[in-house]
């Protein structure tokens, strides 16, 4: 065989067996960062820096309960973006329902709430699930000696996925 023929075969093999990876076996936009025991790929600074966003991102949600203890009027809200807004909205709800001396009784984040009403008063409870909140409130109502314990309000303010 002549040298041109062999050179042509070698050149053809080099062209057709190219790798899908860029420099050092890393994907496009990354470069190798190798130590004696670990091989890794790091993004080039022009591709957005060193942090890679993985997994979902969650946003907390708030709820609140306000009450006028003199009249018994209650205002309750759920799914607000922050504690301040939840408290403000619960107070406004209480006043809109006729309360004149409304005060914040409970603020909660990423949980469920229940108001259990009895003949002698009400209980505000919060827990991971609405069922747990109802159970806690009902137990407290009965422990107080009340006989007609029933659900007045229930809601959840659970985190929402934003990414």
C-alpha atoms as a PDB file:
ATOM      1  CA  UNK A   1       0.000   0.000   0.000  1.00  0.00           C
ATOM      2  CA  UNK A   2       1.152   3.434  -0.675  1.00  0.00           C
ATOM      3  CA  UNK A   3       1.523   6.218   1.889  1.00  0.00           C
ATOM      4  CA  UNK A   4      -1.250   8.399   0.388  1.00  0.00           C
ATOM      5  CA  UNK A   5      -3.775   5.556   0.682  1.00  0.00           C
ATOM      6  CA  UNK A   6      -2.873   4.853   4.331  1.00  0.00           C
ATOM      7  CA  UNK A   7      -2.947   8.565   5.158  1.00  0.00           C
ATOM      8  CA  UNK A   8      -6.391   8.820   3.560  1.00  0.00           C
ATOM      9  CA  UNK A   9      -7.741   5.921   5.641  1.00  0.00           C
ATOM     10  CA  UNK A  10      -6.354   7.416   8.861  1.00  0.00           C
ATOM     11  CA  UNK A  11      -7.830  10.822   8.008  1.00  0.00           C
ATOM     12  CA  UNK A  12     -11.244   9.263   7.219  1.00  0.00           C
ATOM     13  CA  UNK A  13     -11.217   7.349  10.501  1.00  0.00           C
ATOM     14  CA  UNK A  14     -10.379  10.483  12.470  1.00  0.00           C
ATOM     15  CA  UNK A  15     -13.207  12.443  10.828  1.00  0.00           C
ATOM     16  CA  UNK A  16     -15.918   9.766  11.237  1.00  0.00           C
ATOM     17  CA  UNK A  17     -15.095   8.776  14.821  1.00  0.00           C
ATOM     18  CA  UNK A  18     -15.332  12.265  16.331  1.00  0.00           C
ATOM     19  CA  UNK A  19     -16.630  12.482  19.899  1.00  0.00           C
ATOM     20  CA  UNK A  20     -19.908  14.135  20.886  1.00  0.00           C
ATOM     21  CA  UNK A  21     -18.157  15.695  23.865  1.00  0.00           C
ATOM     22  CA  UNK A  22     -16.095  18.843  23.827  1.00  0.00           C
ATOM     23  CA  UNK A  23     -12.844  19.474  25.547  1.00  0.00           C
ATOM     24  CA  UNK A  24     -11.707  16.744  27.949  1.00  0.00           C
ATOM     25  CA  UNK A  25     -14.852  14.626  27.570  1.00  0.00           C
ATOM     26  CA  UNK A  26     -17.163  17.386  28.871  1.00  0.00           C
ATOM     27  CA  UNK A  27     -20.387  18.517  27.164  1.00  0.00           C
ATOM     28  CA  UNK A  28     -20.526  21.760  25.230  1.00  0.00           C
ATOM     29  CA  UNK A  29     -20.230  24.818  27.481  1.00  0.00           C
ATOM     30  CA  UNK A  30     -18.232  22.949  30.145  1.00  0.00           C
ATOM     31  CA  UNK A  31     -14.547  22.374  30.755  1.00  0.00           C
ATOM     32  CA  UNK A  32     -12.754  19.652  32.732  1.00  0.00           C
ATOM     33  CA  UNK A  33     -11.827  20.207  36.359  1.00  0.00           C
ATOM     34  CA  UNK A  34      -9.757  17.185  37.221  1.00  0.00           C
ATOM     35  CA  UNK A  35      -7.958  16.211  40.370  1.00  0.00           C
ATOM     36  CA  UNK A  36      -5.998  12.993  40.891  1.00  0.00           C
ATOM     37  CA  UNK A  37      -9.065  11.145  42.212  1.00  0.00           C
ATOM     38  CA  UNK A  38     -12.058  12.995  40.704  1.00  0.00           C
ATOM     39  CA  UNK A  39     -12.956  14.052  37.182  1.00  0.00           C
ATOM     40  CA  UNK A  40     -15.696  16.659  36.780  1.00  0.00           C
ATOM     41  CA  UNK A  41     -16.949  19.271  34.351  1.00  0.00           C
ATOM     42  CA  UNK A  42     -17.519  22.922  35.266  1.00  0.00           C
ATOM     43  CA  UNK A  43     -19.520  25.406  33.162  1.00  0.00           C
ATOM     44  CA  UNK A  44     -17.637  28.170  31.389  1.00  0.00           C
ATOM     45  CA  UNK A  45     -18.247  31.503  33.127  1.00  0.00           C
ATOM     46  CA  UNK A  46     -20.021  32.853  30.037  1.00  0.00           C
ATOM     47  CA  UNK A  47     -22.800  30.224  30.406  1.00  0.00           C
ATOM     48  CA  UNK A  48     -24.259  31.741  33.549  1.00  0.00           C
ATOM     49  CA  UNK A  49     -21.813  30.967  36.322  1.00  0.00           C
ATOM     50  CA  UNK A  50     -21.240  28.123  38.687  1.00  0.00           C
ATOM     51  CA  UNK A  51     -24.709  27.474  40.102  1.00  0.00           C
ATOM     52  CA  UNK A  52     -26.982  25.110  38.286  1.00  0.00           C
ATOM     53  CA  UNK A  53     -30.665  25.274  39.259  1.00  0.00           C
ATOM     54  CA  UNK A  54     -32.017  21.828  40.015  1.00  0.00           C
ATOM     55  CA  UNK A  55     -35.339  20.673  41.354  1.00  0.00           C
ATOM     56  CA  UNK A  56     -38.489  22.641  42.035  1.00  0.00           C
ATOM     57  CA  UNK A  57     -38.664  25.919  43.943  1.00  0.00           C
ATOM     58  CA  UNK A  58     -41.475  26.418  46.455  1.00  0.00           C
ATOM     59  CA  UNK A  59     -43.054  29.569  47.822  1.00  0.00           C
ATOM     60  CA  UNK A  60     -44.559  29.596  51.311  1.00  0.00           C
ATOM     61  CA  UNK A  61     -48.169  30.584  51.935  1.00  0.00           C
ATOM     62  CA  UNK A  62     -49.620  32.228  55.041  1.00  0.00           C
ATOM     63  CA  UNK A  63     -53.003  32.301  56.698  1.00  0.00           C
ATOM     64  CA  UNK A  64     -54.398  34.184  59.694  1.00  0.00           C
ATOM     65  CA  UNK A  65     -57.381  34.410  62.007  1.00  0.00           C
ATOM     66  CA  UNK A  66     -58.589  37.588  63.710  1.00  0.00           C
ATOM     67  CA  UNK A  67     -61.390  37.872  66.246  1.00  0.00           C
ATOM     68  CA  UNK A  68     -63.419  40.437  68.124  1.00  0.00           C
ATOM     69  CA  UNK A  69     -63.719  38.620  71.454  1.00  0.00           C
ATOM     70  CA  UNK A  70     -66.565  40.857  72.651  1.00  0.00           C
ATOM     71  CA  UNK A  71     -68.895  40.114  69.743  1.00  0.00           C
ATOM     72  CA  UNK A  72     -67.394  36.768  68.696  1.00  0.00           C
ATOM     73  CA  UNK A  73     -66.938  37.952  65.092  1.00  0.00           C
ATOM     74  CA  UNK A  74     -64.137  36.144  63.260  1.00  0.00           C
ATOM     75  CA  UNK A  75     -62.155  36.967  60.118  1.00  0.00           C
ATOM     76  CA  UNK A  76     -60.052  34.256  58.522  1.00  0.00           C
ATOM     77  CA  UNK A  77     -57.918  34.198  55.367  1.00  0.00           C
ATOM     78  CA  UNK A  78     -55.617  31.712  53.662  1.00  0.00           C
ATOM     79  CA  UNK A  79     -53.020  31.551  50.879  1.00  0.00           C
ATOM     80  CA  UNK A  80     -51.351  34.920  51.315  1.00  0.00           C
ATOM     81  CA  UNK A  81     -47.766  35.584  50.192  1.00  0.00           C
ATOM     82  CA  UNK A  82     -46.519  36.779  53.587  1.00  0.00           C
ATOM     83  CA  UNK A  83     -47.410  37.024  57.265  1.00  0.00           C
ATOM     84  CA  UNK A  84     -48.057  40.767  57.207  1.00  0.00           C
ATOM     85  CA  UNK A  85     -50.580  40.463  54.366  1.00  0.00           C
ATOM     86  CA  UNK A  86     -52.350  37.508  56.012  1.00  0.00           C
ATOM     87  CA  UNK A  87     -52.704  39.362  59.310  1.00  0.00           C
ATOM     88  CA  UNK A  88     -53.873  42.564  57.611  1.00  0.00           C
ATOM     89  CA  UNK A  89     -56.472  40.719  55.507  1.00  0.00           C
ATOM     90  CA  UNK A  90     -57.797  38.729  58.498  1.00  0.00           C
ATOM     91  CA  UNK A  91     -58.250  41.936  60.502  1.00  0.00           C
ATOM     92  CA  UNK A  92     -60.038  43.559  57.545  1.00  0.00           C
ATOM     93  CA  UNK A  93     -62.287  40.493  57.156  1.00  0.00           C
ATOM     94  CA  UNK A  94     -63.169  40.602  60.857  1.00  0.00           C
ATOM     95  CA  UNK A  95     -64.054  44.305  60.636  1.00  0.00           C
ATOM     96  CA  UNK A  96     -66.049  43.767  57.429  1.00  0.00           C
ATOM     97  CA  UNK A  97     -68.144  41.150  59.269  1.00  0.00           C
ATOM     98  CA  UNK A  98     -69.027  43.656  61.993  1.00  0.00           C
ATOM     99  CA  UNK A  99     -66.165  43.359  64.483  1.00  0.00           C
ATOM    100  CA  UNK A 100     -65.152  46.600  66.182  1.00  0.00           C
ATOM    101  CA  UNK A 101     -62.213  45.412  68.315  1.00  0.00           C
ATOM    102  CA  UNK A 102     -60.627  42.793  66.029  1.00  0.00           C
ATOM    103  CA  UNK A 103     -57.278  41.392  67.076  1.00  0.00           C
ATOM    104  CA  UNK A 104     -55.031  38.858  65.407  1.00  0.00           C
ATOM    105  CA  UNK A 105     -55.346  35.486  67.146  1.00  0.00           C
ATOM    106  CA  UNK A 106     -53.297  33.180  64.922  1.00  0.00           C
ATOM    107  CA  UNK A 107     -50.926  33.374  61.960  1.00  0.00           C
ATOM    108  CA  UNK A 108     -49.698  30.186  60.324  1.00  0.00           C
ATOM    109  CA  UNK A 109     -47.378  29.209  57.473  1.00  0.00           C
ATOM    110  CA  UNK A 110     -47.535  26.171  55.166  1.00  0.00           C
ATOM    111  CA  UNK A 111     -50.163  24.466  57.310  1.00  0.00           C
ATOM    112  CA  UNK A 112     -53.888  23.948  57.746  1.00  0.00           C
ATOM    113  CA  UNK A 113     -56.180  25.549  60.293  1.00  0.00           C
ATOM    114  CA  UNK A 114     -59.537  24.800  61.875  1.00  0.00           C
ATOM    115  CA  UNK A 115     -61.888  26.826  64.023  1.00  0.00           C
ATOM    116  CA  UNK A 116     -63.950  24.533  66.219  1.00  0.00           C
ATOM    117  CA  UNK A 117     -66.994  26.228  67.712  1.00  0.00           C
ATOM    118  CA  UNK A 118     -68.693  25.028  70.879  1.00  0.00           C
ATOM    119  CA  UNK A 119     -71.443  26.408  73.099  1.00  0.00           C
ATOM    120  CA  UNK A 120     -68.989  28.171  75.404  1.00  0.00           C
ATOM    121  CA  UNK A 121     -66.341  29.340  72.937  1.00  0.00           C
ATOM    122  CA  UNK A 122     -64.114  28.488  70.016  1.00  0.00           C
ATOM    123  CA  UNK A 123     -60.703  26.937  69.446  1.00  0.00           C
ATOM    124  CA  UNK A 124     -58.183  27.841  66.771  1.00  0.00           C
ATOM    125  CA  UNK A 125     -55.827  25.008  65.858  1.00  0.00           C
ATOM    126  CA  UNK A 126     -53.258  24.493  63.121  1.00  0.00           C
ATOM    127  CA  UNK A 127     -51.451  21.378  61.924  1.00  0.00           C
ATOM    128  CA  UNK A 128     -49.872  19.723  58.895  1.00  0.00           C
ATOM    129  CA  UNK A 129     -53.249  18.538  57.551  1.00  0.00           C
ATOM    130  CA  UNK A 130     -56.787  19.858  57.923  1.00  0.00           C
ATOM    131  CA  UNK A 131     -57.842  16.582  59.530  1.00  0.00           C
ATOM    132  CA  UNK A 132     -55.155  16.963  62.208  1.00  0.00           C
ATOM    133  CA  UNK A 133     -56.178  20.585  62.838  1.00  0.00           C
ATOM    134  CA  UNK A 134     -59.832  19.517  63.216  1.00  0.00           C
ATOM    135  CA  UNK A 135     -58.868  16.704  65.616  1.00  0.00           C
ATOM    136  CA  UNK A 136     -56.732  19.046  67.746  1.00  0.00           C
ATOM    137  CA  UNK A 137     -59.465  21.694  67.907  1.00  0.00           C
ATOM    138  CA  UNK A 138     -62.227  19.186  68.649  1.00  0.00           C
ATOM    139  CA  UNK A 139     -60.166  17.586  71.440  1.00  0.00           C
ATOM    140  CA  UNK A 140     -59.507  20.999  73.024  1.00  0.00           C
ATOM    141  CA  UNK A 141     -63.201  21.888  72.750  1.00  0.00           C
ATOM    142  CA  UNK A 142     -64.283  18.678  74.482  1.00  0.00           C
ATOM    143  CA  UNK A 143     -61.522  18.998  77.085  1.00  0.00           C
ATOM    144  CA  UNK A 144     -62.967  22.404  77.918  1.00  0.00           C
ATOM    145  CA  UNK A 145     -66.220  20.601  78.744  1.00  0.00           C
ATOM    146  CA  UNK A 146     -68.140  21.786  75.684  1.00  0.00           C
ATOM    147  CA  UNK A 147     -70.759  19.430  74.279  1.00  0.00           C
ATOM    148  CA  UNK A 148     -71.598  20.895  70.871  1.00  0.00           C
ATOM    149  CA  UNK A 149     -68.172  21.035  69.180  1.00  0.00           C
ATOM    150  CA  UNK A 150     -68.434  21.557  65.428  1.00  0.00           C
ATOM    151  CA  UNK A 151     -66.303  22.876  62.569  1.00  0.00           C
ATOM    152  CA  UNK A 152     -66.857  26.591  61.976  1.00  0.00           C
ATOM    153  CA  UNK A 153     -63.994  27.129  59.504  1.00  0.00           C
ATOM    154  CA  UNK A 154     -61.211  25.088  57.923  1.00  0.00           C
ATOM    155  CA  UNK A 155     -58.563  25.954  55.344  1.00  0.00           C
ATOM    156  CA  UNK A 156     -55.018  25.223  54.250  1.00  0.00           C
ATOM    157  CA  UNK A 157     -52.222  27.574  53.224  1.00  0.00           C
ATOM    158  CA  UNK A 158     -49.793  25.180  51.596  1.00  0.00           C
ATOM    159  CA  UNK A 159     -46.619  26.008  49.641  1.00  0.00           C
ATOM    160  CA  UNK A 160     -46.957  26.452  45.903  1.00  0.00           C
ATOM    161  CA  UNK A 161     -44.421  25.432  43.299  1.00  0.00           C
ATOM    162  CA  UNK A 162     -43.049  28.492  41.489  1.00  0.00           C
ATOM    163  CA  UNK A 163     -40.426  26.709  39.372  1.00  0.00           C
END
